[in-house]
Amino acid sequence: MAKVGIKGLTYAKYQSGGDGNAVVYTGGKKLDDFISRADITESRSDVKEHADDHQIDSENSLDNVTLAIELVNNNPDIKKDILGHIQENEELLVTGDAAPFVGIGFICRNRFKGAVTYEAYWFFKMQFSTGGVTAETRREQTNFGHETINGTGSAVVLTSGGKEYFYAHKDGLATEALARTWLNSKAGITA
């Protein structure tokens, strides 16, 4: 299945939960024309136990999830809400304070044998930092450069069972509207 599109960056400020209780978010927002790329990386334990010259056990659990998002739009709201920058007058000030935790997600468009489906991702509790900005001089050909933000996930426990979760994924959706509805429900967006 080919991923042929990405859109609908959605986020909300993490308030509480994830300790066996439902995660609560505030200030859910959907941003149009913001995201051009997302890279999800899972880091896993890869440890093998050996005895008597053979493997007797292994550990391959998910340790961490990172998310790199390439932003097209340089809107100050996302920098305030996701990166924790402070706006004074017309300036965005970068502090040394830790960025807030947010829930964040997006929609992917997929195509397989001509059929289009949609999938949505929601990361329960992420903390972002600026990944960097690249700027270059104009040449014979214009190159578009975008800012990247990098997030590190924290596991949440959604029920009293104690199982940790980093993100949710919903695929095989027939329409973008179904993916949007699912993301909105995660971010607490009702309108």
C-alpha atoms as a PDB file:
ATOM      1  CA  MET A   1       0.000   0.000   0.000  1.00  0.00           C
ATOM      2  CA  ALA A   2       1.405   3.375  -1.008  1.00  0.00           C
ATOM      3  CA  LYS A   3       1.049   6.399   1.238  1.00  0.00           C
ATOM      4  CA  VAL A   4       0.122   9.158  -1.196  1.00  0.00           C
ATOM      5  CA  GLY A   5      -0.815  12.023   1.077  1.00  0.00           C
ATOM      6  CA  ILE A   6      -0.749  13.495   4.551  1.00  0.00           C
ATOM      7  CA  LYS A   7      -2.951  16.204   6.030  1.00  0.00           C
ATOM      8  CA  GLY A   8      -5.066  17.345   8.917  1.00  0.00           C
ATOM      9  CA  LEU A   9      -2.496  17.999  11.636  1.00  0.00           C
ATOM     10  CA  THR A  10      -4.510  17.923  14.856  1.00  0.00           C
ATOM     11  CA  TYR A  11      -3.361  18.455  18.420  1.00  0.00           C
ATOM     12  CA  ALA A  12      -4.595  19.144  21.934  1.00  0.00           C
ATOM     13  CA  LYS A  13      -2.902  20.045  25.194  1.00  0.00           C
ATOM     14  CA  TYR A  14      -2.483  17.108  27.552  1.00  0.00           C
ATOM     15  CA  GLN A  15      -4.203  17.799  30.884  1.00  0.00           C
ATOM     16  CA  SER A  16      -4.288  14.575  32.864  1.00  0.00           C
ATOM     17  CA  GLY A  17      -4.882  10.850  32.799  1.00  0.00           C
ATOM     18  CA  GLY A  18      -2.976   8.011  31.280  1.00  0.00           C
ATOM     19  CA  ASP A  19      -2.412   6.535  34.733  1.00  0.00           C
ATOM     20  CA  GLY A  20      -5.194   3.972  34.440  1.00  0.00           C
ATOM     21  CA  ASN A  21      -7.739   6.691  33.716  1.00  0.00           C
ATOM     22  CA  ALA A  22      -8.833   8.233  30.430  1.00  0.00           C
ATOM     23  CA  VAL A  23      -6.490  10.847  29.000  1.00  0.00           C
ATOM     24  CA  VAL A  24      -7.975  14.362  29.140  1.00  0.00           C
ATOM     25  CA  TYR A  25      -7.022  17.064  26.628  1.00  0.00           C
ATOM     26  CA  THR A  26      -7.964  20.736  26.243  1.00  0.00           C
ATOM     27  CA  GLY A  27      -7.798  23.235  23.407  1.00  0.00           C
ATOM     28  CA  GLY A  28      -8.006  20.769  20.521  1.00  0.00           C
ATOM     29  CA  LYS A  29      -7.092  22.305  17.141  1.00  0.00           C
ATOM     30  CA  LYS A  30      -7.060  21.144  13.543  1.00  0.00           C
ATOM     31  CA  LEU A  31      -4.603  22.996  11.328  1.00  0.00           C
ATOM     32  CA  ASP A  32      -5.045  23.084   7.564  1.00  0.00           C
ATOM     33  CA  ASP A  33      -2.071  23.290   5.184  1.00  0.00           C
ATOM     34  CA  PHE A  34       0.495  22.659   7.927  1.00  0.00           C
ATOM     35  CA  ILE A  35       2.093  19.240   7.534  1.00  0.00           C
ATOM     36  CA  SER A  36       4.146  17.962   4.620  1.00  0.00           C
ATOM     37  CA  ARG A  37       5.819  14.928   6.190  1.00  0.00           C
ATOM     38  CA  ALA A  38       5.779  12.790   9.327  1.00  0.00           C
ATOM     39  CA  ASP A  39       8.331  10.168  10.311  1.00  0.00           C
ATOM     40  CA  ILE A  40       7.387   7.715  13.058  1.00  0.00           C
ATOM     41  CA  THR A  41      10.258   5.792  14.630  1.00  0.00           C
ATOM     42  CA  GLU A  42       9.814   3.031  17.171  1.00  0.00           C
ATOM     43  CA  SER A  43      12.695   2.107  19.447  1.00  0.00           C
ATOM     44  CA  ARG A  44      12.546  -1.436  20.782  1.00  0.00           C
ATOM     45  CA  SER A  45      14.487  -3.454  23.303  1.00  0.00           C
ATOM     46  CA  ASP A  46      16.371  -6.176  21.519  1.00  0.00           C
ATOM     47  CA  VAL A  47      17.882  -8.341  24.203  1.00  0.00           C
ATOM     48  CA  LYS A  48      18.411 -12.068  24.045  1.00  0.00           C
ATOM     49  CA  GLU A  49      19.043 -14.379  26.997  1.00  0.00           C
ATOM     50  CA  HIS A  50      21.416 -17.282  26.421  1.00  0.00           C
ATOM     51  CA  ALA A  51      22.255 -20.367  28.458  1.00  0.00           C
ATOM     52  CA  ASP A  52      23.910 -23.652  27.593  1.00  0.00           C
ATOM     53  CA  ASP A  53      24.992 -22.285  24.210  1.00  0.00           C
ATOM     54  CA  HIS A  54      21.511 -21.400  22.946  1.00  0.00           C
ATOM     55  CA  GLN A  55      18.906 -18.658  23.236  1.00  0.00           C
ATOM     56  CA  ILE A  56      16.362 -19.308  25.967  1.00  0.00           C
ATOM     57  CA  ASP A  57      14.471 -16.021  26.052  1.00  0.00           C
ATOM     58  CA  SER A  58      14.200 -12.622  24.406  1.00  0.00           C
ATOM     59  CA  GLU A  59      12.843  -9.154  25.063  1.00  0.00           C
ATOM     60  CA  ASN A  60      11.487  -7.061  22.189  1.00  0.00           C
ATOM     61  CA  SER A  61       9.194  -4.526  23.835  1.00  0.00           C
ATOM     62  CA  LEU A  62       8.531  -0.997  22.631  1.00  0.00           C
ATOM     63  CA  ASP A  63      10.702   1.420  24.629  1.00  0.00           C
ATOM     64  CA  ASN A  64      10.001   4.701  22.931  1.00  0.00           C
ATOM     65  CA  VAL A  65       8.332   6.403  19.985  1.00  0.00           C
ATOM     66  CA  THR A  66       9.648   9.495  18.247  1.00  0.00           C
ATOM     67  CA  LEU A  67       7.814  11.622  15.735  1.00  0.00           C
ATOM     68  CA  ALA A  68       9.394  14.130  13.341  1.00  0.00           C
ATOM     69  CA  ILE A  69       6.905  16.469  11.678  1.00  0.00           C
ATOM     70  CA  GLU A  70       7.850  18.747   8.818  1.00  0.00           C
ATOM     71  CA  LEU A  71       5.804  21.933   9.041  1.00  0.00           C
ATOM     72  CA  VAL A  72       4.951  24.032   6.009  1.00  0.00           C
ATOM     73  CA  ASN A  73       3.254  26.889   7.825  1.00  0.00           C
ATOM     74  CA  ASN A  74       5.150  29.030  10.326  1.00  0.00           C
ATOM     75  CA  ASN A  75       2.100  29.944  12.416  1.00  0.00           C
ATOM     76  CA  PRO A  76       3.004  31.147  15.934  1.00  0.00           C
ATOM     77  CA  ASP A  77       0.098  29.211  17.526  1.00  0.00           C
ATOM     78  CA  ILE A  78       1.753  25.850  16.972  1.00  0.00           C
ATOM     79  CA  LYS A  79       5.022  27.154  18.411  1.00  0.00           C
ATOM     80  CA  LYS A  80       3.248  28.461  21.499  1.00  0.00           C
ATOM     81  CA  ASP A  81       1.016  25.442  22.026  1.00  0.00           C
ATOM     82  CA  ILE A  82       3.405  22.622  21.081  1.00  0.00           C
ATOM     83  CA  LEU A  83       6.878  24.036  21.693  1.00  0.00           C
ATOM     84  CA  GLY A  84       6.032  26.262  24.677  1.00  0.00           C
ATOM     85  CA  HIS A  85       7.317  29.489  23.121  1.00  0.00           C
ATOM     86  CA  ILE A  86       6.034  32.710  24.644  1.00  0.00           C
ATOM     87  CA  GLN A  87       4.616  35.570  22.583  1.00  0.00           C
ATOM     88  CA  GLU A  88       5.330  39.118  23.728  1.00  0.00           C
ATOM     89  CA  ASN A  89       4.174  41.904  21.465  1.00  0.00           C
ATOM     90  CA  GLU A  90       5.013  40.593  17.986  1.00  0.00           C
ATOM     91  CA  GLU A  91       7.935  38.392  19.023  1.00  0.00           C
ATOM     92  CA  LEU A  92       8.075  34.709  19.849  1.00  0.00           C
ATOM     93  CA  LEU A  93      10.505  34.131  22.685  1.00  0.00           C
ATOM     94  CA  VAL A  94      12.191  30.758  23.089  1.00  0.00           C
ATOM     95  CA  THR A  95      12.640  29.792  26.720  1.00  0.00           C
ATOM     96  CA  GLY A  96      14.691  27.100  28.369  1.00  0.00           C
ATOM     97  CA  ASP A  97      11.540  25.630  29.896  1.00  0.00           C
ATOM     98  CA  ALA A  98      10.378  22.174  28.895  1.00  0.00           C
ATOM     99  CA  ALA A  99       7.728  22.104  26.197  1.00  0.00           C
ATOM    100  CA  PRO A 100       4.234  21.048  27.271  1.00  0.00           C
ATOM    101  CA  PHE A 101       2.857  17.565  26.648  1.00  0.00           C
ATOM    102  CA  VAL A 102       0.376  17.325  23.791  1.00  0.00           C
ATOM    103  CA  GLY A 103      -1.681  14.715  22.031  1.00  0.00           C
ATOM    104  CA  ILE A 104      -1.109  14.977  18.280  1.00  0.00           C
ATOM    105  CA  GLY A 105      -2.235  13.238  15.111  1.00  0.00           C
ATOM    106  CA  PHE A 106      -2.729  13.385  11.366  1.00  0.00           C
ATOM    107  CA  ILE A 107      -4.414  11.643   8.439  1.00  0.00           C
ATOM    108  CA  CYS A 108      -2.686   9.624   5.711  1.00  0.00           C
ATOM    109  CA  ARG A 109      -4.174   8.865   2.317  1.00  0.00           C
ATOM    110  CA  ASN A 110      -3.319   5.429   0.943  1.00  0.00           C
ATOM    111  CA  ARG A 111      -3.701   3.817  -2.455  1.00  0.00           C
ATOM    112  CA  PHE A 112      -3.556   0.132  -3.327  1.00  0.00           C
ATOM    113  CA  LYS A 113      -4.478  -1.202  -6.762  1.00  0.00           C
ATOM    114  CA  GLY A 114      -6.330   2.019  -7.499  1.00  0.00           C
ATOM    115  CA  ALA A 115      -8.438   1.954  -4.323  1.00  0.00           C
ATOM    116  CA  VAL A 116      -8.028   4.885  -1.937  1.00  0.00           C
ATOM    117  CA  THR A 117      -8.374   4.471   1.827  1.00  0.00           C
ATOM    118  CA  TYR A 118      -7.478   6.638   4.778  1.00  0.00           C
ATOM    119  CA  GLU A 119      -5.763   6.043   8.082  1.00  0.00           C
ATOM    120  CA  ALA A 120      -5.301   8.239  11.112  1.00  0.00           C
ATOM    121  CA  TYR A 121      -2.675   8.316  13.834  1.00  0.00           C
ATOM    122  CA  TRP A 122      -3.024   9.715  17.342  1.00  0.00           C
ATOM    123  CA  PHE A 123      -0.051   9.997  19.709  1.00  0.00           C
ATOM    124  CA  PHE A 124      -1.317  10.182  23.277  1.00  0.00           C
ATOM    125  CA  LYS A 125       1.422  12.136  25.028  1.00  0.00           C
ATOM    126  CA  MET A 126       4.277  13.781  23.115  1.00  0.00           C
ATOM    127  CA  GLN A 127       6.790  16.461  23.998  1.00  0.00           C
ATOM    128  CA  PHE A 128       8.348  18.407  21.109  1.00  0.00           C
ATOM    129  CA  SER A 129      11.415  20.468  20.406  1.00  0.00           C
ATOM    130  CA  THR A 130      12.566  22.363  17.343  1.00  0.00           C
ATOM    131  CA  GLY A 131      14.436  20.053  15.037  1.00  0.00           C
ATOM    132  CA  GLY A 132      15.972  22.837  13.063  1.00  0.00           C
ATOM    133  CA  VAL A 133      15.431  25.194  10.205  1.00  0.00           C
ATOM    134  CA  THR A 134      17.380  25.129   6.986  1.00  0.00           C
ATOM    135  CA  ALA A 135      17.548  28.197   4.800  1.00  0.00           C
ATOM    136  CA  GLU A 136      19.516  28.563   1.610  1.00  0.00           C
ATOM    137  CA  THR A 137      20.124  31.167  -1.036  1.00  0.00           C
ATOM    138  CA  ARG A 138      18.008  31.349  -4.138  1.00  0.00           C
ATOM    139  CA  ARG A 139      19.467  29.547  -7.125  1.00  0.00           C
ATOM    140  CA  GLU A 140      18.396  28.679 -10.658  1.00  0.00           C
ATOM    141  CA  GLN A 141      15.679  26.578  -9.138  1.00  0.00           C
ATOM    142  CA  THR A 142      13.614  27.283  -6.035  1.00  0.00           C
ATOM    143  CA  ASN A 143      13.831  24.771  -3.194  1.00  0.00           C
ATOM    144  CA  PHE A 144      11.264  24.784  -0.449  1.00  0.00           C
ATOM    145  CA  GLY A 145      12.725  24.405   3.030  1.00  0.00           C
ATOM    146  CA  HIS A 146      10.563  23.620   6.034  1.00  0.00           C
ATOM    147  CA  GLU A 147      10.968  23.566   9.771  1.00  0.00           C
ATOM    148  CA  THR A 148      10.894  20.204  11.530  1.00  0.00           C
ATOM    149  CA  ILE A 149       9.714  19.586  15.060  1.00  0.00           C
ATOM    150  CA  ASN A 150      10.788  16.418  16.871  1.00  0.00           C
ATOM    151  CA  GLY A 151       8.677  14.752  19.518  1.00  0.00           C
ATOM    152  CA  THR A 152       9.327  12.029  22.039  1.00  0.00           C
ATOM    153  CA  GLY A 153       6.445   9.941  23.256  1.00  0.00           C
ATOM    154  CA  SER A 154       5.560   9.011  26.805  1.00  0.00           C
ATOM    155  CA  ALA A 155       3.603   5.852  27.430  1.00  0.00           C
ATOM    156  CA  VAL A 156       0.142   6.151  28.948  1.00  0.00           C
ATOM    157  CA  VAL A 157      -1.914   3.541  30.774  1.00  0.00           C
ATOM    158  CA  LEU A 158      -5.475   3.814  29.502  1.00  0.00           C
ATOM    159  CA  THR A 159      -7.158   1.229  31.726  1.00  0.00           C
ATOM    160  CA  SER A 160      -6.592  -0.358  35.078  1.00  0.00           C
ATOM    161  CA  GLY A 161      -4.939  -3.334  33.341  1.00  0.00           C
ATOM    162  CA  GLY A 162      -1.554  -1.610  33.426  1.00  0.00           C
ATOM    163  CA  LYS A 163      -0.691  -1.995  29.727  1.00  0.00           C
ATOM    164  CA  GLU A 164       1.251   0.971  28.319  1.00  0.00           C
ATOM    165  CA  TYR A 165       0.342   2.628  25.016  1.00  0.00           C
ATOM    166  CA  PHE A 166       2.228   5.191  22.934  1.00  0.00           C
ATOM    167  CA  TYR A 167      -0.152   5.797  20.049  1.00  0.00           C
ATOM    168  CA  ALA A 168      -3.356   4.670  18.363  1.00  0.00           C
ATOM    169  CA  HIS A 169      -3.751   3.921  14.686  1.00  0.00           C
ATOM    170  CA  LYS A 170      -6.974   3.509  12.743  1.00  0.00           C
ATOM    171  CA  ASP A 171      -6.687   2.271   9.157  1.00  0.00           C
ATOM    172  CA  GLY A 172      -8.898   1.027   6.364  1.00  0.00           C
ATOM    173  CA  LEU A 173     -11.223   4.023   6.606  1.00  0.00           C
ATOM    174  CA  ALA A 174     -13.285   4.533   3.463  1.00  0.00           C
ATOM    175  CA  THR A 175     -13.391   8.315   3.613  1.00  0.00           C
ATOM    176  CA  GLU A 176     -11.338  11.206   4.882  1.00  0.00           C
ATOM    177  CA  ALA A 177     -14.387  12.329   6.867  1.00  0.00           C
ATOM    178  CA  LEU A 178     -14.284   9.112   8.924  1.00  0.00           C
ATOM    179  CA  ALA A 179     -10.589   9.679   9.662  1.00  0.00           C
ATOM    180  CA  ARG A 180     -11.317  13.297  10.620  1.00  0.00           C
ATOM    181  CA  THR A 181     -14.147  12.243  12.963  1.00  0.00           C
ATOM    182  CA  TRP A 182     -11.864   9.728  14.691  1.00  0.00           C
ATOM    183  CA  LEU A 183      -9.063  12.311  15.132  1.00  0.00           C
ATOM    184  CA  ASN A 184     -11.499  14.933  16.400  1.00  0.00           C
ATOM    185  CA  SER A 185     -12.785  12.484  19.022  1.00  0.00           C
ATOM    186  CA  LYS A 186      -9.216  11.876  20.225  1.00  0.00           C
ATOM    187  CA  ALA A 187      -8.462  15.623  20.475  1.00  0.00           C
ATOM    188  CA  GLY A 188     -11.798  16.482  22.104  1.00  0.00           C
ATOM    189  CA  ILE A 189     -12.912  18.593  19.138  1.00  0.00           C
ATOM    190  CA  THR A 190     -16.703  18.647  18.970  1.00  0.00           C
ATOM    191  CA  ALA A 191     -17.427  21.301  16.333  1.00  0.00           C
END
